[in-house]
Amino acid sequence: MEIEIRRQWKFVAENIINTGLCFFG
């Protein structure tokens, strides 16, 4: 279960980073 949560957070974090790059870039 912990691995599932980590995968979900990695996916969310990547989306946030990509959105931030588009916004600030």
Protein backbone atom coordinates (compact mmCIF):
# COMPACT_ATOMS: atom_id res chain seq x y z
CA MET A 1 0.00 0.00 0.00
CA GLU A 2 2.83 2.38 0.83
CA ILE A 3 4.24 1.91 -2.67
CA GLU A 4 0.86 2.80 -4.19
CA ILE A 5 0.73 6.03 -2.17
CA ARG A 6 4.28 6.89 -3.19
CA ARG A 7 3.42 6.31 -6.87
CA GLN A 8 0.36 8.54 -6.59
CA TRP A 9 2.35 11.32 -4.92
CA LYS A 10 5.05 11.04 -7.58
CA PHE A 11 2.36 11.45 -10.25
CA VAL A 12 0.82 14.43 -8.45
CA ALA A 13 4.21 16.03 -7.85
CA GLU A 14 5.15 15.70 -11.53
CA ASN A 15 1.86 17.30 -12.57
CA ILE A 16 2.44 20.20 -10.16
CA ILE A 17 6.01 20.66 -11.42
CA ASN A 18 4.88 20.58 -15.06
CA THR A 19 2.12 23.08 -14.34
CA GLY A 20 4.59 25.32 -12.51
CA LEU A 21 7.05 25.17 -15.40
CA CYS A 22 4.31 26.12 -17.87
CA PHE A 23 3.15 28.93 -15.59
CA PHE A 24 6.57 30.40 -14.80
CA GLY A 25 8.26 29.44 -18.06
